[in-house]
PDB file of N, CA and C in Angstrom:
ATOM      1  N   MET A   1       0.792  -1.814  -0.192  1.00  0.00           N
ATOM      2  CA  MET A   1      -0.020  -0.418   0.129  1.00  0.00           C
ATOM      3  C   MET A   1       1.212   1.286  -0.195  1.00  0.00           C
ATOM      4  N   PRO A   2       0.743   1.826  -1.127  1.00  0.00           N
ATOM      5  CA  PRO A   2       1.707   3.290  -1.022  1.00  0.00           C
ATOM      6  C   PRO A   2       0.927   4.428   0.094  1.00  0.00           C
ATOM      7  N   LYS A   3       2.092   4.919   0.857  1.00  0.00           N
ATOM      8  CA  LYS A   3       1.696   5.848   1.990  1.00  0.00           C
ATOM      9  C   LYS A   3       1.545   7.144   1.569  1.00  0.00           C
ATOM     10  N   PRO A   4       0.857   7.548   2.305  1.00  0.00           N
ATOM     11  CA  PRO A   4       0.376   9.027   2.316  1.00  0.00           C
ATOM     12  C   PRO A   4       1.439  10.406   2.239  1.00  0.00           C
ATOM     13  N   LEU A   5       0.879  10.929   0.813  1.00  0.00           N
ATOM     14  CA  LEU A   5       2.013  12.097   0.720  1.00  0.00           C
ATOM     15  C   LEU A   5       1.544  13.282   1.919  1.00  0.00           C
ATOM     16  N   PHE A   6       0.522  13.858   2.152  1.00  0.00           N
ATOM     17  CA  PHE A   6      -0.114  15.474   2.908  1.00  0.00           C
ATOM     18  C   PHE A   6      -1.182  15.015   3.150  1.00  0.00           C
ATOM     19  N   PRO A   7      -1.992  15.087   3.714  1.00  0.00           N
ATOM     20  CA  PRO A   7      -3.331  15.651   4.941  1.00  0.00           C
ATOM     21  C   PRO A   7      -4.104  15.955   4.379  1.00  0.00           C
ATOM     22  N   LEU A   8      -5.378  15.138   3.978  1.00  0.00           N
ATOM     23  CA  LEU A   8      -6.522  15.804   3.171  1.00  0.00           C
ATOM     24  C   LEU A   8      -7.306  17.184   3.784  1.00  0.00           C
ATOM     25  N   GLY A   9      -7.204  16.920   5.052  1.00  0.00           N
ATOM     26  CA  GLY A   9      -7.577  18.090   5.743  1.00  0.00           C
ATOM     27  C   GLY A   9      -9.045  17.495   5.942  1.00  0.00           C
ATOM     28  N   GLN A  10     -10.006  19.564   6.019  1.00  0.00           N
ATOM     29  CA  GLN A  10     -11.287  18.295   6.629  1.00  0.00           C
ATOM     30  C   GLN A  10     -11.836  18.124   4.514  1.00  0.00           C
ATOM     31  N   ILE A  11     -12.660  16.858   4.914  1.00  0.00           N
ATOM     32  CA  ILE A  11     -12.645  16.263   3.438  1.00  0.00           C
ATOM     33  C   ILE A  11     -14.713  17.144   3.713  1.00  0.00           C
ATOM     34  N   LEU A  12     -14.513  17.885   2.646  1.00  0.00           N
ATOM     35  CA  LEU A  12     -15.846  18.472   1.767  1.00  0.00           C
ATOM     36  C   LEU A  12     -16.562  17.751   0.405  1.00  0.00           C
ATOM     37  N   ALA A  13     -17.945  18.019  -0.262  1.00  0.00           N
ATOM     38  CA  ALA A  13     -18.098  16.999  -1.402  1.00  0.00           C
ATOM     39  C   ALA A  13     -19.668  18.586  -1.584  1.00  0.00           C
ATOM     40  N   THR A  14     -19.541  18.919  -2.761  1.00  0.00           N
ATOM     41  CA  THR A  14     -20.789  19.340  -3.102  1.00  0.00           C
ATOM     42  C   THR A  14     -21.944  19.032  -3.857  1.00  0.00           C
ATOM     43  N   PRO A  15     -22.906  19.450  -3.578  1.00  0.00           N
ATOM     44  CA  PRO A  15     -24.222  18.522  -4.546  1.00  0.00           C
ATOM     45  C   PRO A  15     -24.130  18.064  -4.975  1.00  0.00           C
ATOM     46  N   GLY A  16     -23.387  17.905  -6.196  1.00  0.00           N
ATOM     47  CA  GLY A  16     -22.975  17.366  -7.037  1.00  0.00           C
ATOM     48  C   GLY A  16     -22.383  16.199  -7.395  1.00  0.00           C
ATOM     49  N   ALA A  17     -21.415  16.454  -6.708  1.00  0.00           N
ATOM     50  CA  ALA A  17     -20.510  14.785  -6.416  1.00  0.00           C
ATOM     51  C   ALA A  17     -20.906  13.942  -5.408  1.00  0.00           C
ATOM     52  N   LEU A  18     -22.091  14.545  -4.323  1.00  0.00           N
ATOM     53  CA  LEU A  18     -22.760  13.738  -3.312  1.00  0.00           C
ATOM     54  C   LEU A  18     -23.900  12.949  -3.803  1.00  0.00           C
ATOM     55  N   ALA A  19     -24.279  13.346  -5.297  1.00  0.00           N
ATOM     56  CA  ALA A  19     -25.496  13.044  -6.341  1.00  0.00           C
ATOM     57  C   ALA A  19     -25.223  12.032  -7.019  1.00  0.00           C
ATOM     58  N   LEU A  20     -23.354  11.932  -7.206  1.00  0.00           N
ATOM     59  CA  LEU A  20     -23.098  10.553  -8.316  1.00  0.00           C
ATOM     60  C   LEU A  20     -23.703   9.569  -6.799  1.00  0.00           C
ATOM     61  N   GLY A  21     -23.729   9.196  -5.727  1.00  0.00           N
ATOM     62  CA  GLY A  21     -23.896   7.765  -5.179  1.00  0.00           C
ATOM     63  C   GLY A  21     -22.909   6.944  -5.204  1.00  0.00           C
ATOM     64  N   VAL A  22     -21.536   7.734  -5.044  1.00  0.00           N
ATOM     65  CA  VAL A  22     -19.973   6.950  -5.160  1.00  0.00           C
ATOM     66  C   VAL A  22     -19.601   7.221  -3.424  1.00  0.00           C
ATOM     67  N   ASP A  23     -18.454   5.689  -3.299  1.00  0.00           N
ATOM     68  CA  ASP A  23     -17.832   5.368  -2.089  1.00  0.00           C
ATOM     69  C   ASP A  23     -16.637   6.111  -2.886  1.00  0.00           C
ATOM     70  N   PHE A  24     -16.070   7.623  -1.821  1.00  0.00           N
ATOM     71  CA  PHE A  24     -15.217   8.654  -2.755  1.00  0.00           C
ATOM     72  C   PHE A  24     -13.991   7.621  -1.286  1.00  0.00           C
ATOM     73  N   SER A  25     -14.235   7.178  -0.603  1.00  0.00           N
ATOM     74  CA  SER A  25     -13.050   6.370  -0.091  1.00  0.00           C
ATOM     75  C   SER A  25     -11.958   5.771  -1.377  1.00  0.00           C
ATOM     76  N   PRO A  26     -11.898   5.002  -2.336  1.00  0.00           N
ATOM     77  CA  PRO A  26     -10.801   4.283  -2.670  1.00  0.00           C
ATOM     78  C   PRO A  26     -10.150   5.365  -3.328  1.00  0.00           C
ATOM     79  N   TYR A  27     -10.793   6.742  -4.210  1.00  0.00           N
ATOM     80  CA  TYR A  27     -10.643   7.731  -4.654  1.00  0.00           C
ATOM     81  C   TYR A  27      -9.865   8.833  -3.727  1.00  0.00           C
ATOM     82  N   LEU A  28      -9.972   9.043  -2.810  1.00  0.00           N
ATOM     83  CA  LEU A  28      -9.285   9.913  -1.542  1.00  0.00           C
ATOM     84  C   LEU A  28      -8.095   9.113  -1.300  1.00  0.00           C
ATOM     85  N   LEU A  29      -8.326   8.106  -1.335  1.00  0.00           N
ATOM     86  CA  LEU A  29      -6.564   7.468  -0.774  1.00  0.00           C
ATOM     87  C   LEU A  29      -6.278   7.290  -1.954  1.00  0.00           C
ATOM     88  N   ARG A  30      -6.737   7.064  -3.280  1.00  0.00           N
ATOM     89  CA  ARG A  30      -5.211   7.378  -4.721  1.00  0.00           C
ATOM     90  C   ARG A  30      -4.762   8.860  -4.754  1.00  0.00           C
ATOM     91  N   HIS A  31      -6.050   9.813  -4.455  1.00  0.00           N
ATOM     92  CA  HIS A  31      -5.508  11.425  -4.178  1.00  0.00           C
ATOM     93  C   HIS A  31      -3.868  11.265  -3.153  1.00  0.00           C
ATOM     94  N   GLN A  32      -4.710  11.018  -1.790  1.00  0.00           N
ATOM     95  CA  GLN A  32      -3.471  11.087  -1.486  1.00  0.00           C
ATOM     96  C   GLN A  32      -1.993  10.541  -1.174  1.00  0.00           C
ATOM     97  N   CYS A  33      -2.350   9.176  -1.801  1.00  0.00           N
ATOM     98  CA  CYS A  33      -1.202   8.780  -1.704  1.00  0.00           C
ATOM     99  C   CYS A  33      -0.760   9.185  -3.697  1.00  0.00           C
ATOM    100  N   GLY A  34      -0.661   9.923  -4.577  1.00  0.00           N
ATOM    101  CA  GLY A  34      -0.437  10.436  -5.718  1.00  0.00           C
ATOM    102  C   GLY A  34      -0.641   9.898  -7.290  1.00  0.00           C
ATOM    103  N   ASP A  35      -1.657   9.002  -6.993  1.00  0.00           N
ATOM    104  CA  ASP A  35      -2.509   8.502  -8.758  1.00  0.00           C
ATOM    105  C   ASP A  35      -3.276   9.770  -8.741  1.00  0.00           C
ATOM    106  N   TRP A  36      -2.792  10.283  -9.318  1.00  0.00           N
ATOM    107  CA  TRP A  36      -3.629  11.310  -9.611  1.00  0.00           C
ATOM    108  C   TRP A  36      -4.696  10.947 -10.781  1.00  0.00           C
ATOM    109  N   GLY A  37      -5.098  10.016 -11.139  1.00  0.00           N
ATOM    110  CA  GLY A  37      -6.357   9.307 -12.262  1.00  0.00           C
ATOM    111  C   GLY A  37      -5.396  10.151 -13.398  1.00  0.00           C
ATOM    112  N   ASP A  38      -6.737  10.663 -13.832  1.00  0.00           N
ATOM    113  CA  ASP A  38      -6.610  11.104 -15.380  1.00  0.00           C
ATOM    114  C   ASP A  38      -6.550  12.390 -15.445  1.00  0.00           C
ATOM    115  N   LEU A  39      -5.617  12.503 -15.436  1.00  0.00           N
ATOM    116  CA  LEU A  39      -4.460  13.626 -16.098  1.00  0.00           C
ATOM    117  C   LEU A  39      -3.617  13.730 -17.109  1.00  0.00           C
ATOM    118  N   GLY A  40      -3.242  14.192 -17.501  1.00  0.00           N
ATOM    119  CA  GLY A  40      -2.069  14.536 -18.544  1.00  0.00           C
ATOM    120  C   GLY A  40      -0.503  14.274 -17.638  1.00  0.00           C
ATOM    121  N   LYS A  41       0.211  14.220 -18.543  1.00  0.00           N
ATOM    122  CA  LYS A  41       1.575  13.895 -18.037  1.00  0.00           C
ATOM    123  C   LYS A  41       2.254  15.318 -17.552  1.00  0.00           C
ATOM    124  N   GLU A  42       1.875  16.265 -17.789  1.00  0.00           N
ATOM    125  CA  GLU A  42       2.343  17.370 -17.558  1.00  0.00           C
ATOM    126  C   GLU A  42       1.199  18.373 -16.543  1.00  0.00           C
ATOM    127  N   ASP A  43      -0.107  18.024 -16.644  1.00  0.00           N
ATOM    128  CA  ASP A  43      -0.451  17.492 -14.772  1.00  0.00           C
ATOM    129  C   ASP A  43      -0.454  16.989 -13.777  1.00  0.00           C
ATOM    130  N   GLN A  44      -0.195  16.010 -14.618  1.00  0.00           N
ATOM    131  CA  GLN A  44       0.846  14.764 -13.446  1.00  0.00           C
ATOM    132  C   GLN A  44       2.029  15.179 -12.184  1.00  0.00           C
ATOM    133  N   ALA A  45       3.156  15.985 -13.269  1.00  0.00           N
ATOM    134  CA  ALA A  45       4.342  16.928 -12.747  1.00  0.00           C
ATOM    135  C   ALA A  45       3.933  18.014 -11.741  1.00  0.00           C
ATOM    136  N   GLU A  46       2.805  18.834 -12.431  1.00  0.00           N
ATOM    137  CA  GLU A  46       2.274  19.490 -11.677  1.00  0.00           C
ATOM    138  C   GLU A  46       2.176  19.436 -10.012  1.00  0.00           C
ATOM    139  N   ASN A  47       1.514  18.862 -10.435  1.00  0.00           N
ATOM    140  CA  ASN A  47       1.035  17.674  -8.822  1.00  0.00           C
ATOM    141  C   ASN A  47       2.312  17.413  -7.804  1.00  0.00           C
ATOM    142  N   ASP A  48       3.382  16.666  -8.542  1.00  0.00           N
ATOM    143  CA  ASP A  48       4.094  16.119  -7.951  1.00  0.00           C
ATOM    144  C   ASP A  48       5.183  17.772  -7.448  1.00  0.00           C
ATOM    145  N   PHE A  49       5.389  18.948  -8.524  1.00  0.00           N
ATOM    146  CA  PHE A  49       6.620  19.583  -8.009  1.00  0.00           C
ATOM    147  C   PHE A  49       4.691  20.367  -6.159  1.00  0.00           C
ATOM    148  N   SER A  50       3.495  20.285  -6.777  1.00  0.00           N
ATOM    149  CA  SER A  50       2.966  20.962  -5.654  1.00  0.00           C
ATOM    150  C   SER A  50       2.621  20.021  -4.494  1.00  0.00           C
ATOM    151  N   VAL A  51       2.764  18.601  -4.403  1.00  0.00           N
ATOM    152  CA  VAL A  51       2.867  17.969  -3.100  1.00  0.00           C
ATOM    153  C   VAL A  51       5.015  18.904  -2.013  1.00  0.00           C
ATOM    154  N   VAL A  52       5.291  18.544  -3.150  1.00  0.00           N
ATOM    155  CA  VAL A  52       6.529  18.993  -2.540  1.00  0.00           C
ATOM    156  C   VAL A  52       6.871  20.215  -2.155  1.00  0.00           C
ATOM    157  N   HIS A  53       6.059  21.309  -3.316  1.00  0.00           N
ATOM    158  CA  HIS A  53       5.513  22.752  -2.503  1.00  0.00           C
ATOM    159  C   HIS A  53       4.624  23.438  -1.513  1.00  0.00           C
ATOM    160  N   GLY A  54       4.317  22.413  -1.935  1.00  0.00           N
ATOM    161  CA  GLY A  54       2.592  23.221  -0.753  1.00  0.00           C
ATOM    162  C   GLY A  54       1.761  23.836  -1.210  1.00  0.00           C
ATOM    163  N   LEU A  55       1.367  23.648  -2.845  1.00  0.00           N
ATOM    164  CA  LEU A  55       0.417  24.597  -4.100  1.00  0.00           C
ATOM    165  C   LEU A  55      -0.446  23.198  -3.739  1.00  0.00           C
ATOM    166  N   ARG A  56      -1.200  23.876  -4.442  1.00  0.00           N
ATOM    167  CA  ARG A  56      -2.973  22.935  -4.350  1.00  0.00           C
ATOM    168  C   ARG A  56      -2.835  21.998  -5.229  1.00  0.00           C
ATOM    169  N   ILE A  57      -3.440  20.718  -5.065  1.00  0.00           N
ATOM    170  CA  ILE A  57      -3.389  19.559  -5.591  1.00  0.00           C
ATOM    171  C   ILE A  57      -4.568  19.502  -6.424  1.00  0.00           C
ATOM    172  N   LEU A  58      -5.116  18.666  -7.587  1.00  0.00           N
ATOM    173  CA  LEU A  58      -5.917  18.290  -8.690  1.00  0.00           C
ATOM    174  C   LEU A  58      -6.035  17.299  -9.158  1.00  0.00           C
ATOM    175  N   SER A  59      -6.742  15.959  -8.333  1.00  0.00           N
ATOM    176  CA  SER A  59      -7.175  14.469  -9.365  1.00  0.00           C
ATOM    177  C   SER A  59      -8.024  15.253 -10.601  1.00  0.00           C
ATOM    178  N   ALA A  60      -8.611  13.881 -10.710  1.00  0.00           N
ATOM    179  CA  ALA A  60      -9.710  13.242 -11.862  1.00  0.00           C
ATOM    180  C   ALA A  60     -10.071  12.663 -12.245  1.00  0.00           C
ATOM    181  N   TYR A  61     -10.769  11.669 -11.780  1.00  0.00           N
ATOM    182  CA  TYR A  61     -11.043  10.997 -11.647  1.00  0.00           C
ATOM    183  C   TYR A  61     -12.577  10.468 -12.309  1.00  0.00           C
ATOM    184  N   HIS A  62     -13.053   9.045 -12.896  1.00  0.00           N
ATOM    185  CA  HIS A  62     -13.980   8.970 -13.581  1.00  0.00           C
ATOM    186  C   HIS A  62     -14.636   7.793 -12.343  1.00  0.00           C
ATOM    187  N   THR A  63     -16.529   7.883 -12.609  1.00  0.00           N
ATOM    188  CA  THR A  63     -16.614   6.626 -11.494  1.00  0.00           C
ATOM    189  C   THR A  63     -17.005   5.733 -12.805  1.00  0.00           C
ATOM    190  N   PRO A  64     -17.722   4.144 -12.250  1.00  0.00           N
ATOM    191  CA  PRO A  64     -17.264   3.292 -12.888  1.00  0.00           C
ATOM    192  C   PRO A  64     -18.407   3.266 -14.401  1.00  0.00           C
ATOM    193  N   ASP A  65     -19.230   3.995 -14.042  1.00  0.00           N
ATOM    194  CA  ASP A  65     -20.662   4.472 -15.101  1.00  0.00           C
ATOM    195  C   ASP A  65     -20.463   5.345 -15.987  1.00  0.00           C
ATOM    196  N   GLY A  66     -18.499   6.122 -15.752  1.00  0.00           N
ATOM    197  CA  GLY A  66     -17.591   7.251 -16.719  1.00  0.00           C
ATOM    198  C   GLY A  66     -18.099   8.529 -15.671  1.00  0.00           C
ATOM    199  N   MET A  67     -18.711   8.880 -14.592  1.00  0.00           N
ATOM    200  CA  MET A  67     -18.877  10.722 -14.227  1.00  0.00           C
ATOM    201  C   MET A  67     -17.691  10.683 -14.159  1.00  0.00           C
ATOM    202  N   LYS A  68     -16.888  12.282 -14.418  1.00  0.00           N
ATOM    203  CA  LYS A  68     -16.149  12.879 -14.104  1.00  0.00           C
ATOM    204  C   LYS A  68     -15.922  13.384 -12.733  1.00  0.00           C
ATOM    205  N   PHE A  69     -14.962  13.763 -11.406  1.00  0.00           N
ATOM    206  CA  PHE A  69     -15.533  14.207 -10.495  1.00  0.00           C
ATOM    207  C   PHE A  69     -13.713  14.687 -10.935  1.00  0.00           C
ATOM    208  N   TRP A  70     -13.897  15.765  -9.890  1.00  0.00           N
ATOM    209  CA  TRP A  70     -12.216  16.104  -9.175  1.00  0.00           C
ATOM    210  C   TRP A  70     -12.129  16.087  -7.861  1.00  0.00           C
ATOM    211  N   ILE A  71     -11.030  16.073  -7.286  1.00  0.00           N
ATOM    212  CA  ILE A  71     -10.804  16.399  -5.521  1.00  0.00           C
ATOM    213  C   ILE A  71      -9.504  16.772  -6.372  1.00  0.00           C
ATOM    214  N   ILE A  72      -9.420  17.696  -5.064  1.00  0.00           N
ATOM    215  CA  ILE A  72      -9.825  19.252  -5.174  1.00  0.00           C
ATOM    216  C   ILE A  72      -8.276  19.177  -3.414  1.00  0.00           C
ATOM    217  N   THR A  73      -7.151  19.306  -3.241  1.00  0.00           N
ATOM    218  CA  THR A  73      -6.897  19.977  -1.749  1.00  0.00           C
ATOM    219  C   THR A  73      -5.927  21.016  -1.869  1.00  0.00           C
ATOM    220  N   GLU A  74      -6.728  21.531  -0.749  1.00  0.00           N
ATOM    221  CA  GLU A  74      -5.999  23.698  -0.926  1.00  0.00           C
ATOM    222  C   GLU A  74      -4.655  23.594  -0.596  1.00  0.00           C
ATOM    223  N   ALA A  75      -4.024  24.489  -0.691  1.00  0.00           N
ATOM    224  CA  ALA A  75      -2.626  24.876  -0.601  1.00  0.00           C
ATOM    225  C   ALA A  75      -2.332  24.497   0.896  1.00  0.00           C
ATOM    226  N   ASP A  76      -3.075  25.224   1.729  1.00  0.00           N
ATOM    227  CA  ASP A  76      -2.775  24.972   3.287  1.00  0.00           C
ATOM    228  C   ASP A  76      -3.203  23.548   3.284  1.00  0.00           C
ATOM    229  N   ARG A  77      -2.989  22.732   3.325  1.00  0.00           N
ATOM    230  CA  ARG A  77      -4.278  21.210   3.383  1.00  0.00           C
ATOM    231  C   ARG A  77      -5.068  21.503   4.615  1.00  0.00           C
ATOM    232  N   SER A  78      -6.383  22.709   4.243  1.00  0.00           N
ATOM    233  CA  SER A  78      -7.119  22.347   5.377  1.00  0.00           C
ATOM    234  C   SER A  78      -7.498  21.435   4.956  1.00  0.00           C
ATOM    235  N   ALA A  79      -8.442  21.423   3.960  1.00  0.00           N
ATOM    236  CA  ALA A  79      -9.752  20.633   3.135  1.00  0.00           C
ATOM    237  C   ALA A  79      -9.020  20.584   1.905  1.00  0.00           C
ATOM    238  N   THR A  80     -10.116  19.393   1.168  1.00  0.00           N
ATOM    239  CA  THR A  80      -9.838  18.578   0.340  1.00  0.00           C
ATOM    240  C   THR A  80     -11.292  18.240   0.025  1.00  0.00           C
ATOM    241  N   THR A  81     -11.529  18.727  -1.214  1.00  0.00           N
ATOM    242  CA  THR A  81     -13.180  18.460  -2.216  1.00  0.00           C
ATOM    243  C   THR A  81     -13.926  17.938  -2.574  1.00  0.00           C
ATOM    244  N   LEU A  82     -14.395  17.144  -2.919  1.00  0.00           N
ATOM    245  CA  LEU A  82     -14.814  16.336  -4.674  1.00  0.00           C
ATOM    246  C   LEU A  82     -15.893  17.499  -4.655  1.00  0.00           C
ATOM    247  N   LEU A  83     -15.510  17.156  -6.091  1.00  0.00           N
ATOM    248  CA  LEU A  83     -16.939  18.404  -6.504  1.00  0.00           C
ATOM    249  C   LEU A  83     -16.227  17.768  -8.247  1.00  0.00           C
ATOM    250  N   LEU A  84     -17.999  18.426  -8.803  1.00  0.00           N
ATOM    251  CA  LEU A  84     -17.740  18.147 -10.205  1.00  0.00           C
ATOM    252  C   LEU A  84     -17.084  19.386 -11.334  1.00  0.00           C
ATOM    253  N   PRO A  85     -16.717  19.030 -12.092  1.00  0.00           N
ATOM    254  CA  PRO A  85     -15.816  20.442 -12.937  1.00  0.00           C
ATOM    255  C   PRO A  85     -16.954  21.389 -13.546  1.00  0.00           C
ATOM    256  N   SER A  86     -18.495  20.445 -13.866  1.00  0.00           N
ATOM    257  CA  SER A  86     -19.158  22.200 -13.421  1.00  0.00           C
ATOM    258  C   SER A  86     -19.184  22.577 -12.321  1.00  0.00           C
ATOM    259  N   GLU A  87     -18.863  22.528 -11.362  1.00  0.00           N
ATOM    260  CA  GLU A  87     -19.066  23.064 -10.216  1.00  0.00           C
ATOM    261  C   GLU A  87     -18.148  23.904  -9.800  1.00  0.00           C
ATOM    262  N   TYR A  88     -17.042  23.968 -10.923  1.00  0.00           N
ATOM    263  CA  TYR A  88     -16.015  24.483 -10.013  1.00  0.00           C
ATOM    264  C   TYR A  88     -16.291  26.016 -10.657  1.00  0.00           C
TER     265      TYR A  88
END
């Protein structure tokens, strides 16, 4: 099991994310352990940099039925939010 790279802080979810009816636990663990999901190499590299330098981290995932959602951890690691891209 990979080790967490940063704290998630308070976990929040928007109404759209909650409406997906998904167990977000595995996705939160992936995000926290550096599996950035469905991001290109450049965005993955940006997240790797952000972990080291205390910047905001964004991961993108798809539910089993193909719905895209994001997980964003704030730069100060006080909160992590689950949301749909349309809610950004």
